[in-house]
Amino acid sequence: MKIQTLQVGPIGTNCYILCDPEAAVCAVIDPGEEAARVAAAVKESGCTPCAILLTHGHYDHTGAVAALREQWPDIPVYLSRLDQAGDNPYLRELFPPIAGAVDYGEGDTIAVGTLTVEVLSTPGHSEGSVTLRCGDALFCGDTLFAGSCGRTDFPGGSMKKILASLRRLGRLEGDLAVYPGHMEPSTLERERMWNPYLQQAIQME
């Protein structure tokens, strides 16, 4: 497994390219903007993209999807149906429509070559937020950050739910690598030691 990180867009959303070098295939996680740069990174990896995986539906994580689909018209795009705005004009600004997105959620798995990506439902930042686990790597979107957690004041957000999601992540076994939606990567053990939100969540009954 090989992971490449690109910070894209004006607020530095982390876009990840998850590669299986042996099978020469990859998944693109949260291509928020700069489609040409993302596509160039995929090409340089030597891998063929097999899926676009979205941790949630906010525009800064999905902004390059349409342009990438023009280059890769047959590639499936995965997004929880809970983060699709329907006809609500205000919500469509925050959750831009992703036509033909494949709904996924708790317990689903996506094959990336010989790698298996497991979907964990982790609502709170948005109703449809998920964490993607592949081996010892957690792609947390805007649920868990290094030293912090995602905001909950957007539509569909809930502090109660994000604390429950953080508790779930914090109680996973092992010192897993944490790849957040923004800022630097971390490890689960480091967050257990220093992240006040994760500590609060773990102590909840």
Protein backbone atom coordinates (compact mmCIF):
# COMPACT_ATOMS: atom_id res chain seq x y z
CA MET A 1 0.00 0.00 0.00
CA LYS A 2 1.25 3.45 -0.91
CA ILE A 3 -0.42 6.74 0.08
CA GLN A 4 0.23 10.09 -1.58
CA THR A 5 -1.14 13.32 -0.14
CA LEU A 6 -2.03 16.46 -2.08
CA GLN A 7 -3.29 19.62 -0.39
CA VAL A 8 -5.77 21.18 -2.78
CA GLY A 9 -7.92 24.28 -2.90
CA PRO A 10 -7.81 27.52 -0.90
CA ILE A 11 -8.27 25.85 2.49
CA GLY A 12 -5.84 23.02 1.90
CA THR A 13 -8.11 19.99 1.75
CA ASN A 14 -6.15 16.75 1.89
CA CYS A 15 -6.70 14.64 -1.20
CA TYR A 16 -5.23 11.15 -0.93
CA ILE A 17 -4.20 8.71 -3.63
CA LEU A 18 -4.37 5.21 -2.20
CA CYS A 19 -2.32 2.87 -4.39
CA ASP A 20 -1.85 -0.86 -4.66
CA PRO A 21 1.49 -0.82 -6.53
CA GLU A 22 1.44 -4.54 -7.28
CA ALA A 23 -1.96 -4.38 -8.96
CA ALA A 24 -1.19 -0.91 -10.38
CA VAL A 25 -4.58 0.49 -9.37
CA CYS A 26 -5.55 3.30 -7.01
CA ALA A 27 -8.46 5.10 -5.39
CA VAL A 28 -8.69 8.88 -5.13
CA ILE A 29 -10.02 10.05 -1.76
CA ASP A 30 -11.61 13.51 -1.41
CA PRO A 31 -10.51 15.32 -4.60
CA GLY A 32 -11.63 18.74 -3.40
CA GLU A 33 -10.18 20.89 -6.18
CA GLU A 34 -7.35 21.11 -8.74
CA ALA A 35 -8.50 18.20 -10.90
CA ALA A 36 -5.60 18.54 -13.34
CA ARG A 37 -3.07 18.29 -10.51
CA VAL A 38 -4.84 15.28 -9.02
CA ALA A 39 -4.98 13.53 -12.40
CA ALA A 40 -1.30 14.26 -12.99
CA ALA A 41 -0.40 12.73 -9.62
CA VAL A 42 -2.41 9.62 -10.47
CA LYS A 43 -0.62 9.32 -13.80
CA GLU A 44 2.78 9.73 -12.13
CA SER A 45 1.89 6.98 -9.66
CA GLY A 46 1.68 4.48 -12.52
CA CYS A 47 -1.69 3.31 -11.23
CA THR A 48 -5.07 3.20 -12.95
CA PRO A 49 -7.85 4.83 -10.90
CA CYS A 50 -10.63 2.44 -9.96
CA ALA A 51 -12.76 4.59 -7.62
CA ILE A 52 -13.30 8.02 -6.14
CA LEU A 53 -14.10 7.72 -2.44
CA LEU A 54 -15.66 10.67 -0.60
CA THR A 55 -15.55 10.91 3.19
CA HIS A 56 -18.45 13.37 3.06
CA GLY A 57 -20.24 15.63 0.64
CA HIS A 58 -18.96 19.13 1.42
CA TYR A 59 -17.83 21.13 -1.60
CA ASP A 60 -14.22 21.41 -0.47
CA HIS A 61 -13.93 17.61 -0.60
CA THR A 62 -15.84 17.01 -3.84
CA GLY A 63 -15.02 20.00 -6.07
CA ALA A 64 -12.84 18.13 -8.59
CA VAL A 65 -15.16 15.15 -9.04
CA ALA A 66 -16.94 16.42 -12.16
CA ALA A 67 -13.69 17.28 -13.98
CA LEU A 68 -12.10 13.95 -13.04
CA ARG A 69 -15.16 12.13 -14.34
CA GLU A 70 -14.63 13.79 -17.71
CA GLN A 71 -11.22 12.13 -17.86
CA TRP A 72 -12.35 8.87 -16.24
CA PRO A 73 -15.99 8.50 -17.35
CA ASP A 74 -16.38 4.92 -16.12
CA ILE A 75 -15.01 5.41 -12.63
CA PRO A 76 -17.51 4.93 -9.77
CA VAL A 77 -17.87 7.69 -7.18
CA TYR A 78 -18.87 6.65 -3.66
CA LEU A 79 -20.75 8.98 -1.30
CA SER A 80 -23.28 8.41 1.47
CA ARG A 81 -26.79 9.26 0.32
CA LEU A 82 -27.16 11.19 3.61
CA ASP A 83 -24.80 13.83 2.21
CA GLN A 84 -26.72 14.45 -1.00
CA ALA A 85 -28.79 17.61 -0.85
CA GLY A 86 -31.61 16.82 -3.24
CA ASP A 87 -33.53 19.90 -4.38
CA ASN A 88 -32.76 22.19 -1.43
CA PRO A 89 -30.95 25.19 -3.04
CA TYR A 90 -29.10 26.22 0.13
CA LEU A 91 -27.88 22.72 0.89
CA ARG A 92 -26.78 22.26 -2.71
CA GLU A 93 -24.16 24.98 -2.19
CA LEU A 94 -22.68 23.08 0.75
CA PHE A 95 -23.35 19.62 -0.72
CA PRO A 96 -22.97 19.98 -4.52
CA PRO A 97 -24.87 17.30 -6.42
CA ILE A 98 -22.85 14.23 -7.40
CA ALA A 99 -24.94 12.61 -10.12
CA GLY A 100 -24.84 8.83 -10.15
CA ALA A 101 -22.92 8.53 -6.90
CA VAL A 102 -22.90 5.05 -5.38
CA ASP A 103 -24.30 5.10 -1.86
CA TYR A 104 -22.11 3.51 0.78
CA GLY A 105 -22.03 3.30 4.53
CA GLU A 106 -21.35 1.23 7.60
CA GLY A 107 -19.84 -2.18 6.87
CA ASP A 108 -19.42 -1.72 3.12
CA THR A 109 -16.09 -2.63 1.56
CA ILE A 110 -14.42 -1.37 -1.60
CA ALA A 111 -11.66 -3.32 -3.36
CA VAL A 112 -8.65 -1.33 -4.57
CA GLY A 113 -6.63 -4.04 -6.26
CA THR A 114 -5.71 -6.43 -3.45
CA LEU A 115 -6.46 -3.77 -0.80
CA THR A 116 -9.76 -3.68 1.06
CA VAL A 117 -11.24 -0.37 2.16
CA GLU A 118 -13.75 -0.71 4.99
CA VAL A 119 -16.40 1.96 5.53
CA LEU A 120 -17.08 3.13 9.10
CA SER A 121 -20.04 5.43 9.66
CA THR A 122 -18.78 8.43 11.66
CA PRO A 123 -21.47 11.14 11.56
CA GLY A 124 -21.22 14.46 13.37
CA HIS A 125 -19.44 16.81 10.98
CA SER A 126 -22.16 15.85 8.53
CA GLU A 127 -24.85 13.20 8.70
CA GLY A 128 -23.19 11.07 6.03
CA SER A 129 -19.57 11.39 7.15
CA VAL A 130 -17.58 8.17 6.97
CA THR A 131 -14.09 7.07 7.93
CA LEU A 132 -12.33 4.80 5.46
CA ARG A 133 -10.05 2.15 6.94
CA CYS A 134 -7.46 0.36 4.84
CA GLY A 135 -5.09 -1.82 6.83
CA ASP A 136 -3.55 0.35 9.53
CA ALA A 137 -4.64 3.63 7.88
CA LEU A 138 -7.71 5.70 8.76
CA PHE A 139 -8.92 8.33 6.30
CA CYS A 140 -11.06 10.37 8.69
CA GLY A 141 -12.34 13.23 6.54
CA ASP A 142 -13.37 16.06 8.86
CA THR A 143 -14.23 13.85 11.81
CA LEU A 144 -10.82 13.59 13.52
CA PHE A 145 -7.99 16.09 13.11
CA ALA A 146 -4.57 16.22 14.72
CA GLY A 147 -5.38 17.75 18.09
CA SER A 148 -8.96 18.61 17.20
CA CYS A 149 -12.14 17.49 15.44
CA GLY A 150 -14.45 18.75 12.73
CA ARG A 151 -16.93 21.57 13.28
CA THR A 152 -20.54 20.66 13.89
CA ASP A 153 -22.40 23.89 13.11
CA PHE A 154 -23.15 23.09 9.47
CA PRO A 155 -26.49 21.54 8.46
CA GLY A 156 -26.46 17.88 9.45
CA GLY A 157 -23.78 18.46 12.07
CA SER A 158 -24.09 17.27 15.67
CA MET A 159 -21.68 17.55 18.58
CA LYS A 160 -23.31 14.56 20.25
CA LYS A 161 -22.83 12.44 17.14
CA ILE A 162 -19.26 13.53 16.48
CA LEU A 163 -18.28 12.68 20.05
CA ALA A 164 -19.81 9.21 19.59
CA SER A 165 -17.85 8.87 16.34
CA LEU A 166 -14.64 10.00 18.02
CA ARG A 167 -15.22 7.52 20.82
CA ARG A 168 -15.57 4.77 18.25
CA LEU A 169 -12.34 5.74 16.52
CA GLY A 170 -10.49 6.20 19.79
CA ARG A 171 -11.42 2.71 20.93
CA LEU A 172 -10.10 1.00 17.82
CA GLU A 173 -7.25 -1.33 18.66
CA GLY A 174 -3.68 -0.44 17.76
CA ASP A 175 -1.79 2.70 16.86
CA LEU A 176 -3.37 3.36 13.49
CA ALA A 177 -2.22 6.10 11.13
CA VAL A 178 -4.65 9.03 10.97
CA TYR A 179 -5.06 10.81 7.63
CA PRO A 180 -7.41 13.76 8.23
CA GLY A 181 -9.27 15.96 5.79
CA HIS A 182 -7.15 19.00 6.67
CA MET A 183 -3.79 19.73 8.26
CA GLU A 184 -1.08 17.23 9.12
CA PRO A 185 -1.37 13.46 9.61
CA SER A 186 -1.18 11.89 13.04
CA THR A 187 -1.51 8.56 14.81
CA LEU A 188 -4.33 7.25 16.92
CA GLU A 189 -2.07 6.83 19.95
CA ARG A 190 -0.89 10.43 19.69
CA GLU A 191 -4.48 11.62 19.50
CA ARG A 192 -5.46 9.49 22.50
CA MET A 193 -2.70 11.21 24.46
CA TRP A 194 -3.10 14.83 23.33
CA ASN A 195 -6.47 15.43 21.63
CA PRO A 196 -8.93 16.86 24.21
CA TYR A 197 -11.98 16.05 22.06
CA LEU A 198 -10.93 12.43 21.61
CA GLN A 199 -10.12 12.12 25.32
CA GLN A 200 -13.54 13.49 26.24
CA ALA A 201 -15.22 11.13 23.81
CA ILE A 202 -13.37 8.03 25.03
CA GLN A 203 -14.41 8.76 28.62
CA MET A 204 -18.10 8.98 27.71
CA GLU A 205 -20.37 6.15 28.72
